[in-house]
Amino acid sequence: MPAKRRLTMRQLRQMLRLAGSGTSSREIAVVLGIARSTVQDDLRRAAEIGLTWPLPGDLTDDALENKLFARNGVK
């Protein structure tokens, strides 16, 4: 099984933008060259914390990453 590669913040932002415009998970996966399950997981995470496109202008890449991938109970 190949090693997981991390998505760039540019890819995450593009994923949210495409999803906000109504693009399907399958189409997003093809455009970004990633697995559909990765798209679905990341969009689910974004929905759980209330992130929608357009993102707030002051949301930095670090803040976006922390919001999407912070583990519960870990400081």
C-alpha atoms as a PDB file:
ATOM      1  CA  MET A   1       0.000   0.000   0.000  1.00  0.00           C
ATOM      2  CA  PRO A   2       1.472   3.392  -0.953  1.00  0.00           C
ATOM      3  CA  ALA A   3       2.356   5.873   1.752  1.00  0.00           C
ATOM      4  CA  LYS A   4      -0.161   8.610   2.421  1.00  0.00           C
ATOM      5  CA  ARG A   5       0.807  11.985   1.098  1.00  0.00           C
ATOM      6  CA  ARG A   6      -0.482  15.120   2.706  1.00  0.00           C
ATOM      7  CA  LEU A   7      -2.625  17.545   0.795  1.00  0.00           C
ATOM      8  CA  THR A   8      -1.347  21.061   0.394  1.00  0.00           C
ATOM      9  CA  MET A   9      -3.369  23.949   1.768  1.00  0.00           C
ATOM     10  CA  ARG A  10      -3.866  25.069  -1.821  1.00  0.00           C
ATOM     11  CA  GLN A  11      -5.503  21.710  -2.597  1.00  0.00           C
ATOM     12  CA  LEU A  12      -7.687  21.938   0.520  1.00  0.00           C
ATOM     13  CA  ARG A  13      -8.826  25.446  -0.354  1.00  0.00           C
ATOM     14  CA  GLN A  14      -9.511  24.392  -3.948  1.00  0.00           C
ATOM     15  CA  MET A  15     -11.475  21.389  -2.671  1.00  0.00           C
ATOM     16  CA  LEU A  16     -13.660  23.647  -0.519  1.00  0.00           C
ATOM     17  CA  ARG A  17     -14.118  26.101  -3.395  1.00  0.00           C
ATOM     18  CA  LEU A  18     -15.152  23.371  -5.826  1.00  0.00           C
ATOM     19  CA  ALA A  19     -17.514  21.792  -3.304  1.00  0.00           C
ATOM     20  CA  GLY A  20     -19.035  25.215  -2.633  1.00  0.00           C
ATOM     21  CA  SER A  21     -19.777  25.599  -6.330  1.00  0.00           C
ATOM     22  CA  GLY A  22     -21.605  22.261  -6.416  1.00  0.00           C
ATOM     23  CA  THR A  23     -18.888  20.059  -7.898  1.00  0.00           C
ATOM     24  CA  SER A  24     -19.230  16.392  -6.958  1.00  0.00           C
ATOM     25  CA  SER A  25     -16.705  14.551  -4.794  1.00  0.00           C
ATOM     26  CA  ARG A  26     -15.807  12.371  -7.754  1.00  0.00           C
ATOM     27  CA  GLU A  27     -15.070  15.361  -9.988  1.00  0.00           C
ATOM     28  CA  ILE A  28     -13.061  17.092  -7.242  1.00  0.00           C
ATOM     29  CA  ALA A  29     -10.984  13.940  -6.794  1.00  0.00           C
ATOM     30  CA  VAL A  30     -10.210  13.811 -10.523  1.00  0.00           C
ATOM     31  CA  VAL A  31      -9.294  17.516 -10.690  1.00  0.00           C
ATOM     32  CA  LEU A  32      -7.003  17.322  -7.661  1.00  0.00           C
ATOM     33  CA  GLY A  33      -5.628  13.861  -8.452  1.00  0.00           C
ATOM     34  CA  ILE A  34      -6.575  12.403  -5.064  1.00  0.00           C
ATOM     35  CA  ALA A  35      -8.857   9.645  -3.802  1.00  0.00           C
ATOM     36  CA  ARG A  36     -12.579  10.324  -3.632  1.00  0.00           C
ATOM     37  CA  SER A  37     -12.611   9.025  -0.063  1.00  0.00           C
ATOM     38  CA  THR A  38     -10.063  11.697   0.889  1.00  0.00           C
ATOM     39  CA  VAL A  39     -12.311  14.368  -0.609  1.00  0.00           C
ATOM     40  CA  GLN A  40     -15.330  12.993   1.228  1.00  0.00           C
ATOM     41  CA  ASP A  41     -13.459  12.776   4.552  1.00  0.00           C
ATOM     42  CA  ASP A  42     -12.114  16.310   4.310  1.00  0.00           C
ATOM     43  CA  LEU A  43     -15.462  17.771   3.237  1.00  0.00           C
ATOM     44  CA  ARG A  44     -17.114  15.952   6.150  1.00  0.00           C
ATOM     45  CA  ARG A  45     -14.567  17.448   8.546  1.00  0.00           C
ATOM     46  CA  ALA A  46     -15.205  20.923   7.126  1.00  0.00           C
ATOM     47  CA  ALA A  47     -18.971  20.506   7.447  1.00  0.00           C
ATOM     48  CA  GLU A  48     -18.648  19.330  11.058  1.00  0.00           C
ATOM     49  CA  ILE A  49     -16.864  22.533  12.045  1.00  0.00           C
ATOM     50  CA  GLY A  50     -19.033  24.777   9.861  1.00  0.00           C
ATOM     51  CA  LEU A  51     -16.474  25.756   7.223  1.00  0.00           C
ATOM     52  CA  THR A  52     -18.031  26.818   3.937  1.00  0.00           C
ATOM     53  CA  TRP A  53     -16.772  28.622   0.875  1.00  0.00           C
ATOM     54  CA  PRO A  54     -15.860  31.439   0.769  1.00  0.00           C
ATOM     55  CA  LEU A  55     -13.545  31.047   3.735  1.00  0.00           C
ATOM     56  CA  PRO A  56     -13.052  33.991   6.071  1.00  0.00           C
ATOM     57  CA  GLY A  57     -10.375  36.313   4.683  1.00  0.00           C
ATOM     58  CA  ASP A  58      -8.327  36.214   7.872  1.00  0.00           C
ATOM     59  CA  LEU A  59      -8.143  32.396   7.980  1.00  0.00           C
ATOM     60  CA  THR A  60      -4.475  31.487   7.553  1.00  0.00           C
ATOM     61  CA  ASP A  61      -3.239  28.152   6.254  1.00  0.00           C
ATOM     62  CA  ASP A  62      -2.081  27.176   9.751  1.00  0.00           C
ATOM     63  CA  ALA A  63      -5.459  28.054  11.258  1.00  0.00           C
ATOM     64  CA  LEU A  64      -7.269  26.107   8.527  1.00  0.00           C
ATOM     65  CA  GLU A  65      -5.085  23.061   9.118  1.00  0.00           C
ATOM     66  CA  ASN A  66      -5.611  23.266  12.878  1.00  0.00           C
ATOM     67  CA  LYS A  67      -9.380  23.537  12.477  1.00  0.00           C
ATOM     68  CA  LEU A  68      -9.651  20.630  10.051  1.00  0.00           C
ATOM     69  CA  PHE A  69      -7.132  18.246  11.557  1.00  0.00           C
ATOM     70  CA  ALA A  70      -6.925  19.039  15.260  1.00  0.00           C
ATOM     71  CA  ARG A  71      -7.380  15.888  17.275  1.00  0.00           C
ATOM     72  CA  ASN A  72      -9.956  16.067  20.039  1.00  0.00           C
ATOM     73  CA  GLY A  73      -8.436  16.113  23.502  1.00  0.00           C
ATOM     74  CA  VAL A  74      -4.900  16.767  22.288  1.00  0.00           C
ATOM     75  CA  LYS A  75      -3.319  20.104  23.176  1.00  0.00           C
END
